[in-house]
Amino acid sequence: MEEIEEYFRVILDDTSLSDKSKTKLLKEATEIYEEINPIRYSGENKANVALYLACDECSCAIPKKIPKPKLPLLHKARKKTGIERVDILERIDPMCKLANFEGDCIPERAKYILKEYKEKNAIGYGAGAPVGTAVTAIYRASKICDEPITQRELRGYFGVNEVTIRKRYKEMKNTLGICF
């Protein structure tokens, strides 16, 4: 198991995630790996899937840094663990909890922004990395709630590049109008 944990650490060290987020992902990925270990695939393939699913569980945006998991194994692992794909709206509360955002203003406002965005631009809502869209809604909500969070801080929590946040912010602003 130490070898698998070291494999996870090497991948996680290549990300911009905070140490707290890396520790949480390492723990989740290790637990998932133990659960899917009986499935017949190589250890490395199972490790990639475990880390990918841990990202789903923790709502982080580093799957691009993980070697692409084999889809048949990913489907088997999802079935075995019960970890389903998560809608963007459902990511907001766990993301805010992971980042220790206090109060209800930011998560509630972010969900409202996402609902409006989905209603006005269903294609844009589902395009790209869902975590990037969620982080952008959190970023805007933090400003509306007068509890500003920087793009750099959000990158540290979730691994979403500042360029992605700015790009999504512009897309949302164009879709939702000046009040955004």
N, C-alpha and C. Protein backbone atom coordinates (compact mmCIF):
# COMPACT_ATOMS: atom_id res chain seq x y z
N MET A 1 0.82 -1.20 0.00
CA MET A 1 0.00 0.00 0.00
C MET A 1 0.87 1.27 0.00
N GLU A 2 2.04 1.19 0.61
CA GLU A 2 2.94 2.34 0.65
C GLU A 2 3.34 2.77 -0.76
N GLU A 3 3.51 1.80 -1.65
CA GLU A 3 3.89 2.10 -3.02
C GLU A 3 2.79 2.90 -3.73
N ILE A 4 1.54 2.52 -3.49
CA ILE A 4 0.40 3.22 -4.10
C ILE A 4 0.29 4.63 -3.53
N GLU A 5 0.46 4.77 -2.22
CA GLU A 5 0.40 6.09 -1.61
C GLU A 5 1.50 7.00 -2.16
N GLU A 6 2.67 6.44 -2.38
CA GLU A 6 3.77 7.22 -2.95
C GLU A 6 3.41 7.64 -4.39
N TYR A 7 2.77 6.75 -5.14
CA TYR A 7 2.32 7.07 -6.50
C TYR A 7 1.35 8.25 -6.45
N PHE A 8 0.41 8.21 -5.50
CA PHE A 8 -0.54 9.33 -5.33
C PHE A 8 0.20 10.61 -5.00
N ARG A 9 1.16 10.53 -4.08
CA ARG A 9 1.91 11.73 -3.65
C ARG A 9 2.64 12.38 -4.82
N VAL A 10 3.26 11.56 -5.66
CA VAL A 10 3.99 12.09 -6.82
C VAL A 10 3.05 12.88 -7.72
N ILE A 11 1.88 12.33 -7.98
CA ILE A 11 0.91 13.03 -8.83
C ILE A 11 0.40 14.30 -8.14
N LEU A 12 0.05 14.19 -6.87
CA LEU A 12 -0.49 15.33 -6.14
C LEU A 12 0.55 16.44 -5.97
N ASP A 13 1.80 16.08 -5.83
CA ASP A 13 2.86 17.09 -5.68
C ASP A 13 3.03 17.91 -6.96
N ASP A 14 2.56 17.39 -8.08
CA ASP A 14 2.66 18.09 -9.36
C ASP A 14 1.46 19.01 -9.59
N THR A 15 0.65 19.23 -8.56
CA THR A 15 -0.53 20.10 -8.69
C THR A 15 -0.33 21.37 -7.88
N SER A 16 -1.23 22.31 -8.06
CA SER A 16 -1.17 23.56 -7.30
C SER A 16 -2.08 23.52 -6.07
N LEU A 17 -2.54 22.32 -5.70
CA LEU A 17 -3.44 22.19 -4.56
C LEU A 17 -2.73 22.53 -3.25
N SER A 18 -3.50 23.01 -2.28
CA SER A 18 -2.95 23.28 -0.96
C SER A 18 -2.59 21.95 -0.29
N ASP A 19 -1.75 22.01 0.72
CA ASP A 19 -1.36 20.80 1.45
C ASP A 19 -2.58 20.12 2.07
N LYS A 20 -3.51 20.93 2.57
CA LYS A 20 -4.73 20.37 3.17
C LYS A 20 -5.53 19.58 2.13
N SER A 21 -5.68 20.15 0.94
CA SER A 21 -6.42 19.45 -0.12
C SER A 21 -5.70 18.18 -0.56
N LYS A 22 -4.37 18.26 -0.66
CA LYS A 22 -3.59 17.07 -1.05
C LYS A 22 -3.76 15.95 -0.02
N THR A 23 -3.72 16.32 1.25
CA THR A 23 -3.86 15.32 2.32
C THR A 23 -5.23 14.67 2.25
N LYS A 24 -6.26 15.47 2.04
CA LYS A 24 -7.62 14.92 1.95
C LYS A 24 -7.75 13.98 0.74
N LEU A 25 -7.22 14.41 -0.40
CA LEU A 25 -7.28 13.57 -1.60
C LEU A 25 -6.50 12.27 -1.42
N LEU A 26 -5.34 12.35 -0.80
CA LEU A 26 -4.53 11.15 -0.55
C LEU A 26 -5.31 10.16 0.30
N LYS A 27 -5.95 10.64 1.33
CA LYS A 27 -6.74 9.77 2.22
C LYS A 27 -7.90 9.13 1.45
N GLU A 28 -8.64 9.96 0.71
CA GLU A 28 -9.79 9.45 -0.06
C GLU A 28 -9.35 8.44 -1.11
N ALA A 29 -8.30 8.77 -1.86
CA ALA A 29 -7.82 7.89 -2.92
C ALA A 29 -7.36 6.55 -2.36
N THR A 30 -6.69 6.59 -1.21
CA THR A 30 -6.22 5.35 -0.58
C THR A 30 -7.40 4.47 -0.16
N GLU A 31 -8.41 5.08 0.43
CA GLU A 31 -9.60 4.32 0.83
C GLU A 31 -10.32 3.72 -0.38
N ILE A 32 -10.43 4.50 -1.44
CA ILE A 32 -11.09 4.00 -2.66
C ILE A 32 -10.26 2.86 -3.26
N TYR A 33 -8.95 3.03 -3.29
CA TYR A 33 -8.08 1.99 -3.83
C TYR A 33 -8.29 0.67 -3.09
N GLU A 34 -8.34 0.74 -1.76
CA GLU A 34 -8.55 -0.47 -0.96
C GLU A 34 -9.88 -1.13 -1.31
N GLU A 35 -10.89 -0.30 -1.57
CA GLU A 35 -12.22 -0.84 -1.90
C GLU A 35 -12.25 -1.49 -3.28
N ILE A 36 -11.54 -0.92 -4.24
CA ILE A 36 -11.58 -1.47 -5.61
C ILE A 36 -10.44 -2.45 -5.87
N ASN A 37 -9.56 -2.66 -4.94
CA ASN A 37 -8.41 -3.52 -5.14
C ASN A 37 -8.75 -4.92 -5.66
N PRO A 38 -9.88 -5.53 -5.23
CA PRO A 38 -10.19 -6.87 -5.75
C PRO A 38 -10.51 -6.93 -7.26
N ILE A 39 -10.82 -5.79 -7.86
CA ILE A 39 -11.11 -5.78 -9.30
C ILE A 39 -9.83 -6.13 -10.06
N ARG A 40 -9.96 -6.94 -11.08
CA ARG A 40 -8.79 -7.43 -11.83
C ARG A 40 -8.31 -6.38 -12.85
N TYR A 41 -7.38 -5.61 -12.44
CA TYR A 41 -6.64 -4.67 -13.28
C TYR A 41 -5.31 -4.44 -12.60
N SER A 42 -4.38 -3.80 -13.30
CA SER A 42 -3.07 -3.54 -12.68
C SER A 42 -3.22 -2.53 -11.56
N GLY A 43 -2.27 -2.54 -10.66
CA GLY A 43 -2.28 -1.61 -9.54
C GLY A 43 -2.27 -0.16 -9.98
N GLU A 44 -1.48 0.13 -11.02
CA GLU A 44 -1.40 1.51 -11.51
C GLU A 44 -2.73 1.97 -12.09
N ASN A 45 -3.39 1.10 -12.85
CA ASN A 45 -4.70 1.46 -13.41
C ASN A 45 -5.71 1.71 -12.29
N LYS A 46 -5.70 0.86 -11.28
CA LYS A 46 -6.61 1.05 -10.15
C LYS A 46 -6.27 2.32 -9.37
N ALA A 47 -4.99 2.63 -9.27
CA ALA A 47 -4.57 3.86 -8.58
C ALA A 47 -5.07 5.09 -9.33
N ASN A 48 -4.96 5.09 -10.66
CA ASN A 48 -5.45 6.22 -11.46
C ASN A 48 -6.96 6.41 -11.26
N VAL A 49 -7.69 5.29 -11.27
CA VAL A 49 -9.14 5.36 -11.07
C VAL A 49 -9.47 5.84 -9.66
N ALA A 50 -8.75 5.34 -8.67
CA ALA A 50 -9.00 5.74 -7.28
C ALA A 50 -8.77 7.24 -7.10
N LEU A 51 -7.72 7.77 -7.69
CA LEU A 51 -7.44 9.19 -7.57
C LEU A 51 -8.48 10.01 -8.33
N TYR A 52 -8.89 9.53 -9.48
CA TYR A 52 -9.92 10.19 -10.27
C TYR A 52 -11.24 10.26 -9.49
N LEU A 53 -11.63 9.14 -8.87
CA LEU A 53 -12.86 9.11 -8.08
C LEU A 53 -12.74 9.96 -6.81
N ALA A 54 -11.55 9.99 -6.23
CA ALA A 54 -11.33 10.86 -5.06
C ALA A 54 -11.54 12.32 -5.45
N CYS A 55 -11.12 12.67 -6.66
CA CYS A 55 -11.36 14.03 -7.16
C CYS A 55 -12.85 14.30 -7.29
N ASP A 56 -13.60 13.33 -7.77
CA ASP A 56 -15.06 13.48 -7.83
C ASP A 56 -15.63 13.70 -6.43
N GLU A 57 -15.17 12.91 -5.49
CA GLU A 57 -15.67 13.00 -4.11
C GLU A 57 -15.33 14.34 -3.47
N CYS A 58 -14.15 14.85 -3.76
CA CYS A 58 -13.67 16.08 -3.12
C CYS A 58 -13.85 17.32 -3.99
N SER A 59 -14.39 17.13 -5.19
CA SER A 59 -14.64 18.25 -6.11
C SER A 59 -13.39 19.05 -6.42
N CYS A 60 -12.36 18.39 -6.88
CA CYS A 60 -11.16 19.10 -7.29
C CYS A 60 -11.01 18.97 -8.80
N ALA A 61 -10.14 19.78 -9.34
CA ALA A 61 -10.02 19.86 -10.79
C ALA A 61 -8.71 19.32 -11.33
N ILE A 62 -8.13 18.32 -10.68
CA ILE A 62 -6.84 17.83 -11.16
C ILE A 62 -6.92 16.60 -12.07
N PRO A 63 -8.11 16.13 -12.47
CA PRO A 63 -8.10 14.95 -13.33
C PRO A 63 -7.22 15.07 -14.56
N LYS A 64 -6.95 16.29 -15.05
CA LYS A 64 -6.06 16.45 -16.19
C LYS A 64 -4.64 16.02 -15.85
N LYS A 65 -4.28 16.10 -14.57
CA LYS A 65 -2.93 15.73 -14.13
C LYS A 65 -2.79 14.22 -13.92
N ILE A 66 -3.92 13.52 -13.87
CA ILE A 66 -3.91 12.08 -13.61
C ILE A 66 -3.88 11.34 -14.94
N PRO A 67 -3.05 10.32 -15.06
CA PRO A 67 -3.13 9.51 -16.29
C PRO A 67 -4.58 9.04 -16.50
N LYS A 68 -5.04 9.17 -17.72
CA LYS A 68 -6.44 8.86 -18.03
C LYS A 68 -6.81 7.45 -17.57
N PRO A 69 -7.87 7.33 -16.77
CA PRO A 69 -8.28 6.00 -16.31
C PRO A 69 -8.94 5.20 -17.43
N LYS A 70 -8.80 3.90 -17.36
CA LYS A 70 -9.46 3.03 -18.33
C LYS A 70 -10.96 3.04 -18.02
N LEU A 71 -11.77 3.36 -19.04
CA LEU A 71 -13.22 3.53 -18.83
C LEU A 71 -13.91 2.30 -18.28
N PRO A 72 -13.62 1.08 -18.79
CA PRO A 72 -14.30 -0.09 -18.19
C PRO A 72 -14.01 -0.22 -16.70
N LEU A 73 -12.76 0.06 -16.30
CA LEU A 73 -12.40 0.00 -14.89
C LEU A 73 -13.09 1.13 -14.12
N LEU A 74 -13.14 2.31 -14.70
CA LEU A 74 -13.80 3.43 -14.04
C LEU A 74 -15.27 3.10 -13.78
N HIS A 75 -15.96 2.51 -14.77
CA HIS A 75 -17.37 2.14 -14.59
C HIS A 75 -17.53 1.07 -13.50
N LYS A 76 -16.65 0.07 -13.52
CA LYS A 76 -16.71 -0.97 -12.47
C LYS A 76 -16.46 -0.37 -11.09
N ALA A 77 -15.48 0.54 -11.02
CA ALA A 77 -15.15 1.16 -9.74
C ALA A 77 -16.29 2.05 -9.25
N ARG A 78 -16.93 2.79 -10.16
CA ARG A 78 -18.08 3.61 -9.76
C ARG A 78 -19.19 2.72 -9.20
N LYS A 79 -19.40 1.59 -9.85
CA LYS A 79 -20.44 0.67 -9.41
C LYS A 79 -20.10 0.09 -8.03
N LYS A 80 -18.85 -0.31 -7.86
CA LYS A 80 -18.43 -0.93 -6.60
C LYS A 80 -18.45 0.07 -5.44
N THR A 81 -18.03 1.30 -5.70
CA THR A 81 -17.94 2.30 -4.63
C THR A 81 -19.22 3.11 -4.44
N GLY A 82 -20.06 3.12 -5.48
CA GLY A 82 -21.27 3.94 -5.41
C GLY A 82 -21.00 5.42 -5.67
N ILE A 83 -19.81 5.73 -6.16
CA ILE A 83 -19.47 7.13 -6.46
C ILE A 83 -19.94 7.45 -7.87
N GLU A 84 -20.97 8.26 -7.95
CA GLU A 84 -21.54 8.65 -9.24
C GLU A 84 -20.98 10.00 -9.67
N ARG A 85 -21.16 10.30 -10.94
CA ARG A 85 -20.81 11.65 -11.42
C ARG A 85 -21.69 12.64 -10.69
N VAL A 86 -21.14 13.77 -10.34
CA VAL A 86 -21.85 14.74 -9.53
C VAL A 86 -22.18 15.97 -10.37
N ASP A 87 -23.43 16.41 -10.29
CA ASP A 87 -23.84 17.63 -10.97
C ASP A 87 -23.12 18.82 -10.35
N ILE A 88 -22.90 19.85 -11.13
CA ILE A 88 -22.18 21.03 -10.67
C ILE A 88 -22.83 21.62 -9.41
N LEU A 89 -24.14 21.73 -9.40
CA LEU A 89 -24.83 22.31 -8.24
C LEU A 89 -24.57 21.54 -6.96
N GLU A 90 -24.48 20.23 -7.09
CA GLU A 90 -24.25 19.39 -5.91
C GLU A 90 -22.82 19.49 -5.40
N ARG A 91 -21.95 20.10 -6.16
CA ARG A 91 -20.54 20.24 -5.75
C ARG A 91 -20.34 21.44 -4.83
N ILE A 92 -21.22 22.41 -4.85
CA ILE A 92 -20.99 23.67 -4.16
C ILE A 92 -20.82 23.49 -2.65
N ASP A 93 -21.75 22.82 -1.98
CA ASP A 93 -21.65 22.68 -0.52
C ASP A 93 -20.37 21.96 -0.09
N PRO A 94 -20.04 20.79 -0.70
CA PRO A 94 -18.79 20.14 -0.28
C PRO A 94 -17.55 20.97 -0.59
N MET A 95 -17.58 21.72 -1.68
CA MET A 95 -16.44 22.56 -2.03
C MET A 95 -16.27 23.66 -0.99
N CYS A 96 -17.36 24.30 -0.61
CA CYS A 96 -17.29 25.37 0.39
C CYS A 96 -16.84 24.82 1.73
N LYS A 97 -17.28 23.61 2.04
CA LYS A 97 -16.86 22.98 3.30
C LYS A 97 -15.36 22.68 3.26
N LEU A 98 -14.87 22.14 2.15
CA LEU A 98 -13.45 21.82 2.00
C LEU A 98 -12.59 23.07 2.17
N ALA A 99 -13.08 24.19 1.64
CA ALA A 99 -12.32 25.44 1.70
C ALA A 99 -12.58 26.24 2.98
N ASN A 100 -13.41 25.69 3.87
CA ASN A 100 -13.73 26.33 5.15
C ASN A 100 -14.40 27.70 5.01
N PHE A 101 -15.28 27.85 4.01
CA PHE A 101 -16.02 29.09 3.88
C PHE A 101 -17.16 29.04 4.89
N GLU A 102 -17.18 30.01 5.76
CA GLU A 102 -18.17 30.01 6.83
C GLU A 102 -19.46 30.67 6.37
N GLY A 103 -20.56 30.26 6.96
CA GLY A 103 -21.85 30.85 6.65
C GLY A 103 -22.48 30.26 5.41
N ASP A 104 -23.70 30.73 5.15
CA ASP A 104 -24.47 30.20 4.03
C ASP A 104 -24.47 31.12 2.81
N CYS A 105 -23.99 32.33 2.95
CA CYS A 105 -24.10 33.29 1.85
C CYS A 105 -23.40 32.80 0.58
N ILE A 106 -22.13 32.43 0.68
CA ILE A 106 -21.38 32.04 -0.52
C ILE A 106 -21.98 30.81 -1.19
N PRO A 107 -22.22 29.71 -0.45
CA PRO A 107 -22.78 28.54 -1.16
C PRO A 107 -24.17 28.81 -1.74
N GLU A 108 -25.01 29.51 -1.02
CA GLU A 108 -26.36 29.77 -1.52
C GLU A 108 -26.34 30.67 -2.74
N ARG A 109 -25.52 31.71 -2.70
CA ARG A 109 -25.42 32.63 -3.84
C ARG A 109 -24.80 31.91 -5.04
N ALA A 110 -23.79 31.07 -4.80
CA ALA A 110 -23.15 30.33 -5.90
C ALA A 110 -24.16 29.39 -6.56
N LYS A 111 -24.98 28.72 -5.77
CA LYS A 111 -26.00 27.83 -6.34
C LYS A 111 -27.02 28.63 -7.15
N TYR A 112 -27.39 29.80 -6.65
CA TYR A 112 -28.33 30.66 -7.39
C TYR A 112 -27.72 31.06 -8.74
N ILE A 113 -26.44 31.47 -8.72
CA ILE A 113 -25.76 31.85 -9.97
C ILE A 113 -25.75 30.68 -10.94
N LEU A 114 -25.44 29.47 -10.45
CA LEU A 114 -25.40 28.30 -11.32
C LEU A 114 -26.77 27.95 -11.89
N LYS A 115 -27.81 28.08 -11.08
CA LYS A 115 -29.16 27.80 -11.57
C LYS A 115 -29.54 28.76 -12.70
N GLU A 116 -29.22 30.03 -12.50
CA GLU A 116 -29.50 31.03 -13.53
C GLU A 116 -28.69 30.74 -14.80
N TYR A 117 -27.44 30.41 -14.62
CA TYR A 117 -26.56 30.12 -15.75
C TYR A 117 -27.05 28.90 -16.52
N LYS A 118 -27.45 27.87 -15.79
CA LYS A 118 -27.96 26.65 -16.43
C LYS A 118 -29.23 26.95 -17.22
N GLU A 119 -30.09 27.78 -16.65
CA GLU A 119 -31.35 28.12 -17.31
C GLU A 119 -31.11 28.91 -18.60
N LYS A 120 -30.13 29.80 -18.57
CA LYS A 120 -29.89 30.68 -19.72
C LYS A 120 -28.88 30.12 -20.71
N ASN A 121 -28.07 29.15 -20.29
CA ASN A 121 -27.05 28.61 -21.17
C ASN A 121 -26.73 27.17 -20.78
N ALA A 122 -27.64 26.27 -21.09
CA ALA A 122 -27.47 24.86 -20.71
C ALA A 122 -26.21 24.26 -21.32
N ILE A 123 -25.85 24.67 -22.52
CA ILE A 123 -24.66 24.12 -23.17
C ILE A 123 -23.40 24.61 -22.46
N GLY A 124 -23.30 25.89 -22.18
CA GLY A 124 -22.14 26.44 -21.47
C GLY A 124 -22.03 25.89 -20.07
N TYR A 125 -23.17 25.66 -19.43
CA TYR A 125 -23.20 25.13 -18.06
C TYR A 125 -22.51 23.78 -17.99
N GLY A 126 -22.75 22.92 -18.97
CA GLY A 126 -22.20 21.57 -18.96
C GLY A 126 -20.88 21.43 -19.68
N ALA A 127 -20.42 22.50 -20.33
CA ALA A 127 -19.18 22.41 -21.11
C ALA A 127 -17.95 22.52 -20.21
N GLY A 128 -16.88 21.93 -20.65
CA GLY A 128 -15.62 22.04 -19.91
C GLY A 128 -15.66 21.29 -18.60
N ALA A 129 -14.72 21.64 -17.73
CA ALA A 129 -14.63 20.99 -16.43
C ALA A 129 -15.69 21.56 -15.49
N PRO A 130 -16.54 20.70 -14.95
CA PRO A 130 -17.59 21.19 -14.05
C PRO A 130 -17.05 21.90 -12.82
N VAL A 131 -15.88 21.49 -12.36
CA VAL A 131 -15.31 22.14 -11.19
C VAL A 131 -14.96 23.60 -11.51
N GLY A 132 -14.50 23.85 -12.73
CA GLY A 132 -14.18 25.22 -13.14
C GLY A 132 -15.41 26.12 -13.10
N THR A 133 -16.53 25.58 -13.54
CA THR A 133 -17.78 26.34 -13.51
C THR A 133 -18.21 26.59 -12.07
N ALA A 134 -18.11 25.58 -11.24
CA ALA A 134 -18.49 25.72 -9.82
C ALA A 134 -17.58 26.72 -9.11
N VAL A 135 -16.29 26.64 -9.35
CA VAL A 135 -15.35 27.56 -8.70
C VAL A 135 -15.62 29.00 -9.14
N THR A 136 -15.94 29.19 -10.40
CA THR A 136 -16.25 30.54 -10.88
C THR A 136 -17.49 31.09 -10.19
N ALA A 137 -18.50 30.26 -9.99
CA ALA A 137 -19.70 30.70 -9.28
C ALA A 137 -19.36 31.04 -7.82
N ILE A 138 -18.50 30.26 -7.20
CA ILE A 138 -18.07 30.54 -5.83
C ILE A 138 -17.29 31.86 -5.78
N TYR A 139 -16.44 32.06 -6.77
CA TYR A 139 -15.64 33.29 -6.85
C TYR A 139 -16.56 34.51 -6.91
N ARG A 140 -17.54 34.46 -7.80
CA ARG A 140 -18.47 35.59 -7.93
C ARG A 140 -19.32 35.75 -6.68
N ALA A 141 -19.79 34.65 -6.13
CA ALA A 141 -20.62 34.69 -4.92
C ALA A 141 -19.85 35.32 -3.77
N SER A 142 -18.56 35.03 -3.67
CA SER A 142 -17.77 35.60 -2.57
C SER A 142 -17.72 37.12 -2.66
N LYS A 143 -17.70 37.64 -3.88
CA LYS A 143 -17.69 39.09 -4.06
C LYS A 143 -19.06 39.69 -3.72
N ILE A 144 -20.12 39.03 -4.15
CA ILE A 144 -21.47 39.51 -3.86
C ILE A 144 -21.71 39.49 -2.35
N CYS A 145 -21.22 38.47 -1.68
CA CYS A 145 -21.42 38.32 -0.23
C CYS A 145 -20.44 39.17 0.58
N ASP A 146 -19.62 39.96 -0.10
CA ASP A 146 -18.64 40.82 0.54
C ASP A 146 -17.67 40.01 1.41
N GLU A 147 -17.33 38.80 0.91
CA GLU A 147 -16.33 37.93 1.54
C GLU A 147 -15.37 37.47 0.44
N PRO A 148 -14.68 38.43 -0.22
CA PRO A 148 -13.91 38.08 -1.42
C PRO A 148 -12.84 37.02 -1.20
N ILE A 149 -12.79 36.11 -2.15
CA ILE A 149 -11.79 35.05 -2.19
C ILE A 149 -11.00 35.28 -3.48
N THR A 150 -9.70 35.22 -3.42
CA THR A 150 -8.92 35.45 -4.63
C THR A 150 -8.92 34.22 -5.52
N GLN A 151 -8.65 34.46 -6.79
CA GLN A 151 -8.54 33.34 -7.73
C GLN A 151 -7.38 32.43 -7.33
N ARG A 152 -6.33 32.99 -6.80
CA ARG A 152 -5.17 32.19 -6.36
C ARG A 152 -5.57 31.27 -5.20
N GLU A 153 -6.36 31.79 -4.26
CA GLU A 153 -6.82 30.94 -3.14
C GLU A 153 -7.67 29.79 -3.67
N LEU A 154 -8.55 30.09 -4.61
CA LEU A 154 -9.41 29.05 -5.18
C LEU A 154 -8.58 28.01 -5.92
N ARG A 155 -7.54 28.45 -6.62
CA ARG A 155 -6.64 27.51 -7.29
C ARG A 155 -6.02 26.56 -6.27
N GLY A 156 -5.63 27.10 -5.13
CA GLY A 156 -5.03 26.28 -4.09
C GLY A 156 -5.98 25.25 -3.51
N TYR A 157 -7.23 25.62 -3.35
CA TYR A 157 -8.22 24.69 -2.80
C TYR A 157 -8.62 23.61 -3.81
N PHE A 158 -8.84 24.02 -5.06
CA PHE A 158 -9.48 23.11 -6.02
C PHE A 158 -8.67 22.78 -7.26
N GLY A 159 -7.53 23.42 -7.45
CA GLY A 159 -6.69 23.11 -8.60
C GLY A 159 -7.19 23.70 -9.90
N VAL A 160 -8.05 24.70 -9.84
CA VAL A 160 -8.56 25.34 -11.06
C VAL A 160 -7.67 26.55 -11.36
N ASN A 161 -7.13 26.58 -12.54
CA ASN A 161 -6.24 27.64 -12.98
C ASN A 161 -6.97 28.98 -13.00
N GLU A 162 -6.25 30.06 -12.66
CA GLU A 162 -6.86 31.40 -12.68
C GLU A 162 -7.37 31.78 -14.06
N VAL A 163 -6.69 31.34 -15.11
CA VAL A 163 -7.13 31.64 -16.48
C VAL A 163 -8.50 31.03 -16.72
N THR A 164 -8.71 29.81 -16.24
CA THR A 164 -10.01 29.15 -16.38
C THR A 164 -11.09 29.94 -15.65
N ILE A 165 -10.78 30.39 -14.44
CA ILE A 165 -11.76 31.16 -13.67
C ILE A 165 -12.12 32.45 -14.42
N ARG A 166 -11.11 33.16 -14.93
CA ARG A 166 -11.38 34.40 -15.66
C ARG A 166 -12.21 34.14 -16.92
N LYS A 167 -11.87 33.08 -17.63
CA LYS A 167 -12.60 32.74 -18.87
C LYS A 167 -14.06 32.41 -18.55
N ARG A 168 -14.29 31.56 -17.56
CA ARG A 168 -15.66 31.20 -17.18
C ARG A 168 -16.42 32.41 -16.64
N TYR A 169 -15.70 33.25 -15.90
CA TYR A 169 -16.32 34.45 -15.35
C TYR A 169 -16.86 35.32 -16.49
N LYS A 170 -16.05 35.49 -17.52
CA LYS A 170 -16.45 36.30 -18.68
C LYS A 170 -17.67 35.66 -19.37
N GLU A 171 -17.63 34.32 -19.54
CA GLU A 171 -18.76 33.62 -20.16
C GLU A 171 -20.04 33.81 -19.35
N MET A 172 -19.93 33.65 -18.02
CA MET A 172 -21.10 33.82 -17.16
C MET A 172 -21.60 35.25 -17.18
N LYS A 173 -20.68 36.19 -17.15
CA LYS A 173 -21.06 37.60 -17.17
C LYS A 173 -21.81 37.93 -18.45
N ASN A 174 -21.32 37.44 -19.59
CA ASN A 174 -21.99 37.69 -20.87
C ASN A 174 -23.37 37.04 -20.91
N THR A 175 -23.50 35.87 -20.28
CA THR A 175 -24.77 35.16 -20.28
C THR A 175 -25.78 35.77 -19.31
N LEU A 176 -25.30 36.13 -18.13
CA LEU A 176 -26.21 36.59 -17.07
C LEU A 176 -26.39 38.11 -17.07
N GLY A 177 -25.59 38.83 -17.79
CA GLY A 177 -25.78 40.27 -17.89
C GLY A 177 -25.01 41.07 -16.87
N ILE A 178 -25.25 42.34 -16.90
CA ILE A 178 -24.48 43.30 -16.11
C ILE A 178 -24.63 43.08 -14.61
N CYS A 179 -25.73 42.56 -14.16
CA CYS A 179 -25.97 42.36 -12.72
C CYS A 179 -25.08 41.27 -12.15
N PHE A 180 -24.51 40.49 -13.00
CA PHE A 180 -23.67 39.38 -12.55
C PHE A 180 -22.49 39.93 -11.80
